[in-house]
Amino acid sequence: MADALAPYVVYVLNGLAYGMLLFSLSVGLSLIFGLMDVMNLAHGSFYMLGAYIALSIAARAGGYWLALLVAPLVLGLIGLLIAGGFLRLISDRGHLDQVLLTLGFAYVFADISRWIWGGDIFLVPAPPQLRASISILGNAFPLFRLFVIGIGLILALVTWLVLERTRLGAIVRAGVSDAEMLNGLGINVTLVFTLVFALGALLAGFGGHRRTDPGVFPG
């Protein structure tokens, strides 16, 4: 019975690993569009830049774990600059202006990445501790994919807890529902939304560092 189920267990785990990668990319977009109602067409570029920056850090400055820390922070800073320096200026306009602005950034980021890293496909090297495989019902399964599943589940739980169980989450949800009322209570809604946008960019950069395994994450 276990031998018959083994391939399906591996298929499910592979699907979870790939799904968690997509979740780490989409959770930031959900925050930016779902909560803030901002049409950010540059979000995929954040993911791309996160992968390339992680690749450069891993290759030149000491490996995967440093890339895991630094690359998302760089993307969070980029998101902070975009939201605070550009989106703030069109906050009272409709989605069309947001689309035009963020699409322009997407083209800029694409040209910058092509200029710096070229057009080839690269993979961020996995850390030595996660390059082994473990046996699951007699089938070898990469340890790194289990790491991706675990990180994705933790990220989902932390995001839910922050939005539903903290004061910051309540402020964000209240700002979406009635920004004028929240401003009247002395809370800087523009600053809150800028930080949320930066967090969305940070999460996209966090997803980018996991482009390491061509077996489950096709280029």
N, C-alpha and C. Protein backbone atom coordinates (compact mmCIF):
# COMPACT_ATOMS: atom_id res chain seq x y z
N MET A 1 0.83 -1.21 0.00
CA MET A 1 0.00 0.00 0.00
C MET A 1 0.87 1.27 0.00
N ALA A 2 1.90 1.27 0.86
CA ALA A 2 2.78 2.43 0.93
C ALA A 2 3.52 2.63 -0.38
N ASP A 3 3.93 1.53 -1.03
CA ASP A 3 4.63 1.66 -2.31
C ASP A 3 3.72 2.24 -3.37
N ALA A 4 2.44 1.92 -3.32
CA ALA A 4 1.50 2.45 -4.31
C ALA A 4 1.24 3.93 -4.09
N LEU A 5 1.26 4.36 -2.84
CA LEU A 5 0.98 5.77 -2.53
C LEU A 5 2.20 6.66 -2.70
N ALA A 6 3.39 6.09 -2.66
CA ALA A 6 4.62 6.88 -2.65
C ALA A 6 4.71 7.88 -3.79
N PRO A 7 4.45 7.48 -5.06
CA PRO A 7 4.56 8.49 -6.13
C PRO A 7 3.60 9.65 -5.95
N TYR A 8 2.39 9.38 -5.45
CA TYR A 8 1.41 10.44 -5.28
C TYR A 8 1.81 11.40 -4.16
N VAL A 9 2.43 10.86 -3.12
CA VAL A 9 2.93 11.73 -2.04
C VAL A 9 3.99 12.68 -2.58
N VAL A 10 4.88 12.16 -3.41
CA VAL A 10 5.92 12.99 -4.01
C VAL A 10 5.31 14.05 -4.92
N TYR A 11 4.29 13.66 -5.71
CA TYR A 11 3.61 14.63 -6.58
C TYR A 11 2.99 15.75 -5.76
N VAL A 12 2.35 15.38 -4.64
CA VAL A 12 1.72 16.39 -3.79
C VAL A 12 2.76 17.33 -3.20
N LEU A 13 3.87 16.79 -2.75
CA LEU A 13 4.92 17.63 -2.17
C LEU A 13 5.53 18.55 -3.23
N ASN A 14 5.73 18.04 -4.44
CA ASN A 14 6.23 18.90 -5.52
C ASN A 14 5.25 20.02 -5.82
N GLY A 15 3.96 19.68 -5.84
CA GLY A 15 2.95 20.71 -6.07
C GLY A 15 2.92 21.75 -4.97
N LEU A 16 3.09 21.30 -3.72
CA LEU A 16 3.14 22.24 -2.60
C LEU A 16 4.35 23.16 -2.70
N ALA A 17 5.49 22.59 -3.08
CA ALA A 17 6.70 23.40 -3.19
C ALA A 17 6.53 24.48 -4.25
N TYR A 18 5.98 24.10 -5.40
CA TYR A 18 5.78 25.07 -6.47
C TYR A 18 4.69 26.07 -6.08
N GLY A 19 3.64 25.58 -5.40
CA GLY A 19 2.58 26.47 -4.95
C GLY A 19 3.06 27.49 -3.94
N MET A 20 3.97 27.09 -3.04
CA MET A 20 4.50 28.02 -2.06
C MET A 20 5.40 29.07 -2.71
N LEU A 21 6.08 28.68 -3.78
CA LEU A 21 6.86 29.68 -4.52
C LEU A 21 5.93 30.72 -5.13
N LEU A 22 4.83 30.26 -5.75
CA LEU A 22 3.87 31.19 -6.34
C LEU A 22 3.21 32.03 -5.25
N PHE A 23 2.97 31.42 -4.09
CA PHE A 23 2.35 32.18 -3.00
C PHE A 23 3.25 33.31 -2.53
N SER A 24 4.55 33.03 -2.41
CA SER A 24 5.47 34.07 -1.95
C SER A 24 5.54 35.24 -2.93
N LEU A 25 5.29 34.94 -4.21
CA LEU A 25 5.22 36.01 -5.21
C LEU A 25 3.89 36.75 -5.13
N SER A 26 2.80 36.01 -4.96
CA SER A 26 1.48 36.62 -5.05
C SER A 26 1.05 37.30 -3.76
N VAL A 27 1.60 36.92 -2.61
CA VAL A 27 1.15 37.52 -1.35
C VAL A 27 1.46 39.01 -1.33
N GLY A 28 2.60 39.41 -1.86
CA GLY A 28 2.91 40.84 -1.93
C GLY A 28 1.96 41.58 -2.85
N LEU A 29 1.63 40.93 -3.98
CA LEU A 29 0.68 41.54 -4.91
C LEU A 29 -0.71 41.65 -4.28
N SER A 30 -1.07 40.66 -3.47
CA SER A 30 -2.37 40.71 -2.78
C SER A 30 -2.43 41.88 -1.81
N LEU A 31 -1.31 42.13 -1.12
CA LEU A 31 -1.28 43.27 -0.21
C LEU A 31 -1.41 44.59 -0.97
N ILE A 32 -0.68 44.69 -2.08
CA ILE A 32 -0.65 45.96 -2.82
C ILE A 32 -1.96 46.22 -3.55
N PHE A 33 -2.47 45.22 -4.23
CA PHE A 33 -3.70 45.42 -5.01
C PHE A 33 -4.95 45.11 -4.18
N GLY A 34 -4.92 43.98 -3.46
CA GLY A 34 -6.11 43.58 -2.72
C GLY A 34 -6.45 44.52 -1.57
N LEU A 35 -5.42 44.99 -0.85
CA LEU A 35 -5.66 45.87 0.27
C LEU A 35 -5.60 47.35 -0.12
N MET A 36 -4.57 47.73 -0.88
CA MET A 36 -4.35 49.13 -1.19
C MET A 36 -5.05 49.58 -2.45
N ASP A 37 -5.53 48.62 -3.27
CA ASP A 37 -6.21 48.93 -4.53
C ASP A 37 -5.28 49.68 -5.49
N VAL A 38 -4.01 49.27 -5.50
CA VAL A 38 -3.02 49.87 -6.40
C VAL A 38 -2.68 48.86 -7.49
N MET A 39 -2.83 49.25 -8.73
CA MET A 39 -2.51 48.39 -9.87
C MET A 39 -1.00 48.46 -10.12
N ASN A 40 -0.29 47.48 -9.62
CA ASN A 40 1.17 47.50 -9.71
C ASN A 40 1.63 46.48 -10.76
N LEU A 41 1.84 46.92 -11.99
CA LEU A 41 2.30 46.03 -13.04
C LEU A 41 3.80 45.78 -12.98
N ALA A 42 4.49 46.41 -12.04
CA ALA A 42 5.92 46.18 -11.88
C ALA A 42 6.22 45.11 -10.84
N HIS A 43 5.19 44.46 -10.30
CA HIS A 43 5.42 43.50 -9.22
C HIS A 43 6.25 42.32 -9.70
N GLY A 44 6.01 41.85 -10.90
CA GLY A 44 6.83 40.77 -11.44
C GLY A 44 8.29 41.16 -11.57
N SER A 45 8.53 42.44 -11.83
CA SER A 45 9.90 42.93 -11.91
C SER A 45 10.58 42.89 -10.55
N PHE A 46 9.82 43.12 -9.48
CA PHE A 46 10.38 42.99 -8.14
C PHE A 46 10.88 41.57 -7.89
N TYR A 47 10.08 40.61 -8.30
CA TYR A 47 10.46 39.20 -8.17
C TYR A 47 11.73 38.92 -8.97
N MET A 48 11.77 39.42 -10.20
CA MET A 48 12.94 39.22 -11.05
C MET A 48 14.19 39.85 -10.44
N LEU A 49 14.07 41.09 -10.00
CA LEU A 49 15.22 41.75 -9.39
C LEU A 49 15.67 41.05 -8.11
N GLY A 50 14.71 40.54 -7.34
CA GLY A 50 15.08 39.80 -6.14
C GLY A 50 15.93 38.58 -6.47
N ALA A 51 15.56 37.88 -7.56
CA ALA A 51 16.34 36.70 -7.96
C ALA A 51 17.74 37.09 -8.43
N TYR A 52 17.83 38.15 -9.24
CA TYR A 52 19.14 38.55 -9.77
C TYR A 52 20.04 39.11 -8.67
N ILE A 53 19.47 39.90 -7.78
CA ILE A 53 20.27 40.45 -6.68
C ILE A 53 20.73 39.34 -5.76
N ALA A 54 19.84 38.38 -5.48
CA ALA A 54 20.24 37.24 -4.66
C ALA A 54 21.35 36.45 -5.33
N LEU A 55 21.26 36.29 -6.65
CA LEU A 55 22.31 35.59 -7.39
C LEU A 55 23.66 36.29 -7.24
N SER A 56 23.67 37.61 -7.40
CA SER A 56 24.92 38.36 -7.29
C SER A 56 25.50 38.28 -5.89
N ILE A 57 24.65 38.40 -4.88
CA ILE A 57 25.13 38.34 -3.50
C ILE A 57 25.67 36.95 -3.18
N ALA A 58 24.93 35.91 -3.61
CA ALA A 58 25.36 34.54 -3.32
C ALA A 58 26.68 34.22 -4.00
N ALA A 59 26.89 34.79 -5.19
CA ALA A 59 28.11 34.48 -5.94
C ALA A 59 29.32 35.26 -5.43
N ARG A 60 29.10 36.46 -4.90
CA ARG A 60 30.24 37.34 -4.60
C ARG A 60 30.44 37.64 -3.12
N ALA A 61 29.42 37.43 -2.32
CA ALA A 61 29.53 37.93 -0.94
C ALA A 61 29.26 36.88 0.13
N GLY A 62 29.25 35.62 -0.22
CA GLY A 62 29.20 34.67 0.88
C GLY A 62 28.06 33.70 0.94
N GLY A 63 27.26 33.56 -0.10
CA GLY A 63 26.33 32.45 -0.12
C GLY A 63 24.87 32.81 0.02
N TYR A 64 24.08 31.75 0.13
CA TYR A 64 22.64 31.81 0.04
C TYR A 64 22.01 32.58 1.20
N TRP A 65 22.47 32.33 2.41
CA TRP A 65 21.79 32.90 3.58
C TRP A 65 21.92 34.42 3.63
N LEU A 66 23.05 34.93 3.21
CA LEU A 66 23.19 36.39 3.13
C LEU A 66 22.27 36.95 2.05
N ALA A 67 22.19 36.24 0.92
CA ALA A 67 21.28 36.67 -0.16
C ALA A 67 19.84 36.66 0.32
N LEU A 68 19.47 35.66 1.12
CA LEU A 68 18.12 35.55 1.67
C LEU A 68 17.77 36.76 2.52
N LEU A 69 18.76 37.32 3.20
CA LEU A 69 18.53 38.48 4.06
C LEU A 69 18.56 39.79 3.29
N VAL A 70 19.55 39.97 2.42
CA VAL A 70 19.80 41.27 1.81
C VAL A 70 18.88 41.55 0.63
N ALA A 71 18.67 40.58 -0.25
CA ALA A 71 17.89 40.82 -1.47
C ALA A 71 16.48 41.33 -1.17
N PRO A 72 15.72 40.73 -0.25
CA PRO A 72 14.40 41.29 0.06
C PRO A 72 14.47 42.71 0.60
N LEU A 73 15.49 43.01 1.41
CA LEU A 73 15.61 44.36 1.95
C LEU A 73 15.86 45.39 0.85
N VAL A 74 16.67 45.01 -0.14
CA VAL A 74 16.91 45.91 -1.27
C VAL A 74 15.61 46.17 -2.02
N LEU A 75 14.83 45.12 -2.25
CA LEU A 75 13.55 45.30 -2.95
C LEU A 75 12.56 46.09 -2.11
N GLY A 76 12.60 45.91 -0.80
CA GLY A 76 11.75 46.73 0.06
C GLY A 76 12.10 48.19 -0.04
N LEU A 77 13.39 48.50 -0.12
CA LEU A 77 13.83 49.89 -0.28
C LEU A 77 13.38 50.46 -1.62
N ILE A 78 13.49 49.65 -2.68
CA ILE A 78 13.03 50.09 -4.00
C ILE A 78 11.53 50.37 -3.96
N GLY A 79 10.77 49.47 -3.33
CA GLY A 79 9.33 49.69 -3.20
C GLY A 79 9.00 50.93 -2.41
N LEU A 80 9.80 51.18 -1.37
CA LEU A 80 9.59 52.39 -0.56
C LEU A 80 9.81 53.65 -1.39
N LEU A 81 10.84 53.66 -2.21
CA LEU A 81 11.13 54.82 -3.05
C LEU A 81 10.04 55.02 -4.11
N ILE A 82 9.56 53.94 -4.69
CA ILE A 82 8.51 54.06 -5.71
C ILE A 82 7.22 54.59 -5.09
N ALA A 83 6.83 53.99 -3.96
CA ALA A 83 5.57 54.40 -3.33
C ALA A 83 5.66 55.82 -2.77
N GLY A 84 6.77 56.13 -2.08
CA GLY A 84 6.88 57.44 -1.46
C GLY A 84 7.22 58.55 -2.43
N GLY A 85 7.91 58.22 -3.53
CA GLY A 85 8.35 59.26 -4.45
C GLY A 85 7.50 59.43 -5.69
N PHE A 86 6.72 58.39 -6.06
CA PHE A 86 5.98 58.46 -7.32
C PHE A 86 4.48 58.17 -7.14
N LEU A 87 4.16 57.02 -6.54
CA LEU A 87 2.74 56.68 -6.39
C LEU A 87 2.01 57.68 -5.50
N ARG A 88 2.73 58.26 -4.54
CA ARG A 88 2.11 59.25 -3.67
C ARG A 88 1.59 60.46 -4.45
N LEU A 89 2.28 60.78 -5.55
CA LEU A 89 1.91 61.95 -6.34
C LEU A 89 0.64 61.72 -7.14
N ILE A 90 0.26 60.45 -7.37
CA ILE A 90 -0.95 60.16 -8.15
C ILE A 90 -1.97 59.41 -7.31
N SER A 91 -1.87 59.55 -6.00
CA SER A 91 -2.75 58.80 -5.11
C SER A 91 -4.23 59.16 -5.30
N ASP A 92 -4.50 60.38 -5.78
CA ASP A 92 -5.89 60.79 -5.95
C ASP A 92 -6.41 60.55 -7.36
N ARG A 93 -5.64 59.82 -8.17
CA ARG A 93 -6.06 59.52 -9.53
C ARG A 93 -6.50 58.07 -9.63
N GLY A 94 -6.97 57.70 -10.81
CA GLY A 94 -7.51 56.36 -10.99
C GLY A 94 -6.46 55.33 -11.33
N HIS A 95 -6.94 54.13 -11.67
CA HIS A 95 -6.07 53.01 -11.96
C HIS A 95 -5.24 53.21 -13.22
N LEU A 96 -5.74 53.98 -14.17
CA LEU A 96 -5.02 54.15 -15.43
C LEU A 96 -3.65 54.78 -15.20
N ASP A 97 -3.59 55.81 -14.37
CA ASP A 97 -2.30 56.44 -14.07
C ASP A 97 -1.37 55.47 -13.34
N GLN A 98 -1.92 54.66 -12.45
CA GLN A 98 -1.11 53.67 -11.76
C GLN A 98 -0.55 52.64 -12.73
N VAL A 99 -1.38 52.20 -13.68
CA VAL A 99 -0.94 51.23 -14.68
C VAL A 99 0.19 51.81 -15.52
N LEU A 100 0.02 53.03 -15.98
CA LEU A 100 1.04 53.66 -16.82
C LEU A 100 2.36 53.83 -16.06
N LEU A 101 2.27 54.27 -14.81
CA LEU A 101 3.48 54.49 -14.02
C LEU A 101 4.21 53.18 -13.74
N THR A 102 3.48 52.19 -13.23
CA THR A 102 4.13 50.93 -12.85
C THR A 102 4.58 50.14 -14.08
N LEU A 103 3.86 50.24 -15.18
CA LEU A 103 4.31 49.59 -16.41
C LEU A 103 5.62 50.21 -16.89
N GLY A 104 5.74 51.53 -16.74
CA GLY A 104 6.99 52.19 -17.08
C GLY A 104 8.15 51.68 -16.23
N PHE A 105 7.90 51.50 -14.93
CA PHE A 105 8.93 50.94 -14.06
C PHE A 105 9.29 49.51 -14.47
N ALA A 106 8.30 48.74 -14.89
CA ALA A 106 8.57 47.37 -15.33
C ALA A 106 9.54 47.36 -16.51
N TYR A 107 9.33 48.27 -17.46
CA TYR A 107 10.24 48.35 -18.62
C TYR A 107 11.63 48.81 -18.17
N VAL A 108 11.68 49.76 -17.27
CA VAL A 108 12.97 50.25 -16.78
C VAL A 108 13.74 49.13 -16.09
N PHE A 109 13.06 48.38 -15.21
CA PHE A 109 13.72 47.30 -14.48
C PHE A 109 14.16 46.19 -15.43
N ALA A 110 13.35 45.92 -16.46
CA ALA A 110 13.73 44.89 -17.42
C ALA A 110 15.00 45.28 -18.17
N ASP A 111 15.09 46.54 -18.58
CA ASP A 111 16.29 47.00 -19.28
C ASP A 111 17.51 47.01 -18.36
N ILE A 112 17.31 47.42 -17.11
CA ILE A 112 18.42 47.44 -16.16
C ILE A 112 18.94 46.02 -15.93
N SER A 113 18.04 45.06 -15.74
CA SER A 113 18.47 43.68 -15.49
C SER A 113 19.17 43.10 -16.70
N ARG A 114 18.68 43.43 -17.90
CA ARG A 114 19.34 42.92 -19.12
C ARG A 114 20.72 43.54 -19.29
N TRP A 115 20.84 44.79 -18.89
CA TRP A 115 22.12 45.48 -19.00
C TRP A 115 23.15 44.92 -18.02
N ILE A 116 22.70 44.61 -16.79
CA ILE A 116 23.62 44.14 -15.76
C ILE A 116 23.88 42.64 -15.87
N TRP A 117 22.80 41.84 -16.01
CA TRP A 117 22.95 40.39 -15.93
C TRP A 117 22.79 39.68 -17.28
N GLY A 118 22.40 40.40 -18.31
CA GLY A 118 22.20 39.75 -19.60
C GLY A 118 20.85 39.07 -19.69
N GLY A 119 20.67 38.30 -20.75
CA GLY A 119 19.38 37.65 -20.97
C GLY A 119 19.35 36.17 -20.67
N ASP A 120 20.42 35.64 -20.09
CA ASP A 120 20.47 34.20 -19.80
C ASP A 120 19.70 33.88 -18.52
N ILE A 121 19.34 32.60 -18.39
CA ILE A 121 18.65 32.11 -17.20
C ILE A 121 19.69 31.61 -16.20
N PHE A 122 19.59 32.07 -14.96
CA PHE A 122 20.49 31.64 -13.90
C PHE A 122 19.68 31.05 -12.76
N LEU A 123 20.32 30.26 -11.95
CA LEU A 123 19.71 29.71 -10.75
C LEU A 123 20.55 30.10 -9.54
N VAL A 124 19.89 30.57 -8.50
CA VAL A 124 20.59 30.89 -7.25
C VAL A 124 21.03 29.57 -6.61
N PRO A 125 22.33 29.40 -6.31
CA PRO A 125 22.78 28.13 -5.73
C PRO A 125 22.19 27.90 -4.35
N ALA A 126 21.64 26.72 -4.15
CA ALA A 126 21.08 26.38 -2.85
C ALA A 126 22.19 26.24 -1.82
N PRO A 127 21.90 26.49 -0.54
CA PRO A 127 22.93 26.35 0.49
C PRO A 127 23.34 24.89 0.64
N PRO A 128 24.59 24.63 1.02
CA PRO A 128 25.06 23.24 1.15
C PRO A 128 24.21 22.40 2.09
N GLN A 129 23.65 23.05 3.13
CA GLN A 129 22.86 22.31 4.11
C GLN A 129 21.57 21.76 3.52
N LEU A 130 21.11 22.32 2.39
CA LEU A 130 19.82 21.93 1.81
C LEU A 130 19.97 21.26 0.45
N ARG A 131 21.16 20.82 0.12
CA ARG A 131 21.37 20.17 -1.17
C ARG A 131 21.16 18.66 -1.12
N ALA A 132 20.97 18.12 0.05
CA ALA A 132 20.77 16.68 0.19
C ALA A 132 19.31 16.32 -0.09
N SER A 133 19.05 15.02 -0.11
CA SER A 133 17.69 14.51 -0.27
C SER A 133 17.37 13.61 0.91
N ILE A 134 16.08 13.48 1.18
CA ILE A 134 15.64 12.56 2.21
C ILE A 134 14.72 11.53 1.58
N SER A 135 14.54 10.42 2.24
CA SER A 135 13.71 9.34 1.73
C SER A 135 12.29 9.50 2.25
N ILE A 136 11.33 9.57 1.33
CA ILE A 136 9.92 9.64 1.68
C ILE A 136 9.23 8.45 1.03
N LEU A 137 8.87 7.47 1.84
CA LEU A 137 8.25 6.23 1.36
C LEU A 137 9.09 5.57 0.28
N GLY A 138 10.41 5.62 0.48
CA GLY A 138 11.31 4.98 -0.46
C GLY A 138 11.70 5.82 -1.65
N ASN A 139 11.22 7.05 -1.75
CA ASN A 139 11.55 7.94 -2.86
C ASN A 139 12.40 9.10 -2.34
N ALA A 140 13.46 9.43 -3.08
CA ALA A 140 14.31 10.56 -2.70
C ALA A 140 13.60 11.87 -3.01
N PHE A 141 13.61 12.76 -2.03
CA PHE A 141 12.96 14.06 -2.20
C PHE A 141 13.92 15.13 -1.73
N PRO A 142 14.16 16.16 -2.55
CA PRO A 142 15.13 17.21 -2.18
C PRO A 142 14.74 17.93 -0.90
N LEU A 143 15.70 18.09 -0.02
CA LEU A 143 15.46 18.78 1.24
C LEU A 143 15.10 20.23 1.02
N PHE A 144 15.65 20.83 -0.05
CA PHE A 144 15.38 22.24 -0.30
C PHE A 144 13.90 22.48 -0.57
N ARG A 145 13.23 21.54 -1.23
CA ARG A 145 11.80 21.72 -1.51
C ARG A 145 10.98 21.68 -0.23
N LEU A 146 11.40 20.84 0.72
CA LEU A 146 10.72 20.86 2.02
C LEU A 146 10.95 22.19 2.73
N PHE A 147 12.13 22.74 2.57
CA PHE A 147 12.43 24.06 3.14
C PHE A 147 11.51 25.12 2.54
N VAL A 148 11.30 25.06 1.22
CA VAL A 148 10.42 26.02 0.55
C VAL A 148 8.99 25.89 1.07
N ILE A 149 8.53 24.65 1.25
CA ILE A 149 7.18 24.44 1.77
C ILE A 149 7.06 25.02 3.18
N GLY A 150 8.05 24.74 4.03
CA GLY A 150 8.00 25.25 5.39
C GLY A 150 8.02 26.76 5.46
N ILE A 151 8.89 27.38 4.67
CA ILE A 151 8.98 28.85 4.65
C ILE A 151 7.67 29.45 4.15
N GLY A 152 7.08 28.83 3.13
CA GLY A 152 5.82 29.35 2.60
C GLY A 152 4.70 29.29 3.62
N LEU A 153 4.63 28.18 4.36
CA LEU A 153 3.59 28.05 5.39
C LEU A 153 3.80 29.05 6.52
N ILE A 154 5.04 29.24 6.91
CA ILE A 154 5.34 30.24 7.96
C ILE A 154 4.97 31.64 7.48
N LEU A 155 5.31 31.95 6.24
CA LEU A 155 4.99 33.26 5.67
C LEU A 155 3.49 33.49 5.65
N ALA A 156 2.73 32.46 5.24
CA ALA A 156 1.27 32.59 5.22
C ALA A 156 0.72 32.83 6.61
N LEU A 157 1.21 32.10 7.59
CA LEU A 157 0.73 32.25 8.97
C LEU A 157 1.06 33.63 9.52
N VAL A 158 2.30 34.09 9.31
CA VAL A 158 2.72 35.40 9.83
C VAL A 158 1.91 36.52 9.17
N THR A 159 1.69 36.42 7.85
CA THR A 159 0.91 37.44 7.15
C THR A 159 -0.50 37.51 7.69
N TRP A 160 -1.12 36.35 7.90
CA TRP A 160 -2.48 36.33 8.44
C TRP A 160 -2.52 36.91 9.86
N LEU A 161 -1.57 36.54 10.68
CA LEU A 161 -1.55 37.04 12.05
C LEU A 161 -1.37 38.56 12.09
N VAL A 162 -0.47 39.08 11.24
CA VAL A 162 -0.24 40.52 11.23
C VAL A 162 -1.48 41.28 10.80
N LEU A 163 -2.14 40.79 9.75
CA LEU A 163 -3.30 41.51 9.23
C LEU A 163 -4.54 41.36 10.10
N GLU A 164 -4.69 40.23 10.76
CA GLU A 164 -5.91 39.96 11.50
C GLU A 164 -5.80 40.11 13.00
N ARG A 165 -4.58 40.09 13.54
CA ARG A 165 -4.44 40.04 14.99
C ARG A 165 -3.56 41.15 15.57
N THR A 166 -3.15 42.11 14.74
CA THR A 166 -2.30 43.18 15.26
C THR A 166 -2.92 44.54 14.98
N ARG A 167 -2.43 45.53 15.71
CA ARG A 167 -2.90 46.90 15.52
C ARG A 167 -2.55 47.41 14.12
N LEU A 168 -1.35 47.03 13.64
CA LEU A 168 -0.95 47.45 12.30
C LEU A 168 -1.91 46.91 11.24
N GLY A 169 -2.29 45.65 11.38
CA GLY A 169 -3.24 45.08 10.43
C GLY A 169 -4.58 45.79 10.48
N ALA A 170 -5.02 46.14 11.69
CA ALA A 170 -6.29 46.86 11.83
C ALA A 170 -6.21 48.23 11.18
N ILE A 171 -5.07 48.91 11.32
CA ILE A 171 -4.89 50.23 10.71
C ILE A 171 -4.93 50.12 9.19
N VAL A 172 -4.25 49.10 8.64
CA VAL A 172 -4.24 48.92 7.19
C VAL A 172 -5.64 48.65 6.68
N ARG A 173 -6.37 47.76 7.32
CA ARG A 173 -7.72 47.44 6.87
C ARG A 173 -8.65 48.63 7.02
N ALA A 174 -8.47 49.40 8.10
CA ALA A 174 -9.30 50.59 8.30
C ALA A 174 -8.98 51.65 7.26
N GLY A 175 -7.70 51.79 6.91
CA GLY A 175 -7.32 52.77 5.90
C GLY A 175 -7.91 52.46 4.54
N VAL A 176 -8.03 51.18 4.22
CA VAL A 176 -8.65 50.79 2.95
C VAL A 176 -10.14 51.12 2.96
N SER A 177 -10.78 50.87 4.09
CA SER A 177 -12.23 51.09 4.18
C SER A 177 -12.59 52.57 4.24
N ASP A 178 -11.85 53.35 5.02
CA ASP A 178 -12.19 54.76 5.20
C ASP A 178 -10.92 55.54 5.56
N ALA A 179 -10.19 55.95 4.54
CA ALA A 179 -8.91 56.64 4.76
C ALA A 179 -9.12 57.99 5.43
N GLU A 180 -10.19 58.70 5.09
CA GLU A 180 -10.43 60.02 5.68
C GLU A 180 -10.67 59.92 7.18
N MET A 181 -11.43 58.92 7.59
CA MET A 181 -11.68 58.74 9.02
C MET A 181 -10.38 58.42 9.76
N LEU A 182 -9.53 57.58 9.15
CA LEU A 182 -8.27 57.22 9.78
C LEU A 182 -7.35 58.44 9.89
N ASN A 183 -7.34 59.28 8.86
CA ASN A 183 -6.57 60.52 8.93
C ASN A 183 -7.07 61.41 10.06
N GLY A 184 -8.40 61.43 10.24
CA GLY A 184 -8.99 62.24 11.30
C GLY A 184 -8.59 61.76 12.68
N LEU A 185 -8.21 60.50 12.80
CA LEU A 185 -7.76 59.95 14.08
C LEU A 185 -6.28 60.20 14.33
N GLY A 186 -5.63 60.92 13.40
CA GLY A 186 -4.23 61.27 13.58
C GLY A 186 -3.24 60.27 13.04
N ILE A 187 -3.70 59.34 12.22
CA ILE A 187 -2.81 58.32 11.65
C ILE A 187 -2.48 58.72 10.21
N ASN A 188 -1.22 58.72 9.88
CA ASN A 188 -0.76 59.07 8.55
C ASN A 188 -1.00 57.91 7.60
N VAL A 189 -2.12 57.95 6.87
CA VAL A 189 -2.51 56.85 5.99
C VAL A 189 -1.52 56.71 4.84
N THR A 190 -1.02 57.84 4.33
CA THR A 190 -0.06 57.79 3.23
C THR A 190 1.20 57.03 3.63
N LEU A 191 1.67 57.30 4.84
CA LEU A 191 2.86 56.60 5.33
C LEU A 191 2.58 55.11 5.50
N VAL A 192 1.42 54.78 6.03
CA VAL A 192 1.06 53.37 6.23
C VAL A 192 1.02 52.64 4.89
N PHE A 193 0.38 53.24 3.89
CA PHE A 193 0.27 52.59 2.59
C PHE A 193 1.63 52.50 1.89
N THR A 194 2.48 53.50 2.12
CA THR A 194 3.84 53.42 1.56
C THR A 194 4.59 52.24 2.14
N LEU A 195 4.47 52.04 3.44
CA LEU A 195 5.14 50.92 4.09
C LEU A 195 4.56 49.58 3.63
N VAL A 196 3.25 49.53 3.41
CA VAL A 196 2.63 48.29 2.91
C VAL A 196 3.13 47.97 1.51
N PHE A 197 3.25 48.99 0.67
CA PHE A 197 3.77 48.79 -0.68
C PHE A 197 5.21 48.27 -0.60
N ALA A 198 6.01 48.86 0.27
CA ALA A 198 7.39 48.40 0.44
C ALA A 198 7.42 46.96 0.94
N LEU A 199 6.50 46.60 1.82
CA LEU A 199 6.42 45.22 2.30
C LEU A 199 6.07 44.26 1.17
N GLY A 200 5.15 44.69 0.30
CA GLY A 200 4.81 43.86 -0.85
C GLY A 200 6.00 43.63 -1.76
N ALA A 201 6.79 44.68 -1.99
CA ALA A 201 8.00 44.54 -2.80
C ALA A 201 9.01 43.64 -2.11
N LEU A 202 9.15 43.78 -0.80
CA LEU A 202 10.07 42.93 -0.03
C LEU A 202 9.69 41.46 -0.16
N LEU A 203 8.40 41.16 -0.08
CA LEU A 203 7.95 39.77 -0.19
C LEU A 203 8.20 39.22 -1.59
N ALA A 204 8.05 40.07 -2.61
CA ALA A 204 8.36 39.63 -3.97
C ALA A 204 9.85 39.30 -4.09
N GLY A 205 10.70 40.16 -3.52
CA GLY A 205 12.13 39.89 -3.52
C GLY A 205 12.47 38.64 -2.73
N PHE A 206 11.73 38.38 -1.67
CA PHE A 206 11.94 37.17 -0.88
C PHE A 206 11.61 35.93 -1.70
N GLY A 207 10.58 36.02 -2.53
CA GLY A 207 10.25 34.88 -3.40
C GLY A 207 11.30 34.65 -4.47
N GLY A 208 11.94 35.73 -4.93
CA GLY A 208 12.91 35.60 -6.01
C GLY A 208 14.12 34.78 -5.64
N HIS A 209 14.53 34.78 -4.37
CA HIS A 209 15.75 34.07 -3.98
C HIS A 209 15.58 32.57 -4.08
N ARG A 210 14.34 32.08 -4.23
CA ARG A 210 14.13 30.64 -4.24
C ARG A 210 14.16 30.03 -5.63
N ARG A 211 14.62 30.80 -6.61
CA ARG A 211 14.80 30.23 -7.95
C ARG A 211 16.09 29.42 -7.97
N THR A 212 16.06 28.24 -7.37
CA THR A 212 17.27 27.44 -7.22
C THR A 212 17.15 26.04 -7.80
N ASP A 213 15.94 25.57 -7.98
CA ASP A 213 15.74 24.16 -8.27
C ASP A 213 15.02 23.99 -9.60
N PRO A 214 15.74 23.70 -10.72
CA PRO A 214 15.09 23.59 -12.01
C PRO A 214 14.14 22.41 -12.10
N GLY A 215 14.25 21.45 -11.18
CA GLY A 215 13.37 20.30 -11.24
C GLY A 215 11.94 20.62 -10.91
N VAL A 216 11.72 21.58 -10.03
CA VAL A 216 10.35 21.91 -9.64
C VAL A 216 9.99 23.35 -10.01
N PHE A 217 10.98 24.20 -10.22
CA PHE A 217 10.73 25.59 -10.54
C PHE A 217 11.27 25.87 -11.94
N PRO A 218 10.49 25.56 -12.97
CA PRO A 218 11.00 25.70 -14.32
C PRO A 218 11.27 27.14 -14.69
N GLY A 219 12.29 27.36 -15.50
CA GLY A 219 12.57 28.72 -15.97
C GLY A 219 11.67 29.08 -17.08
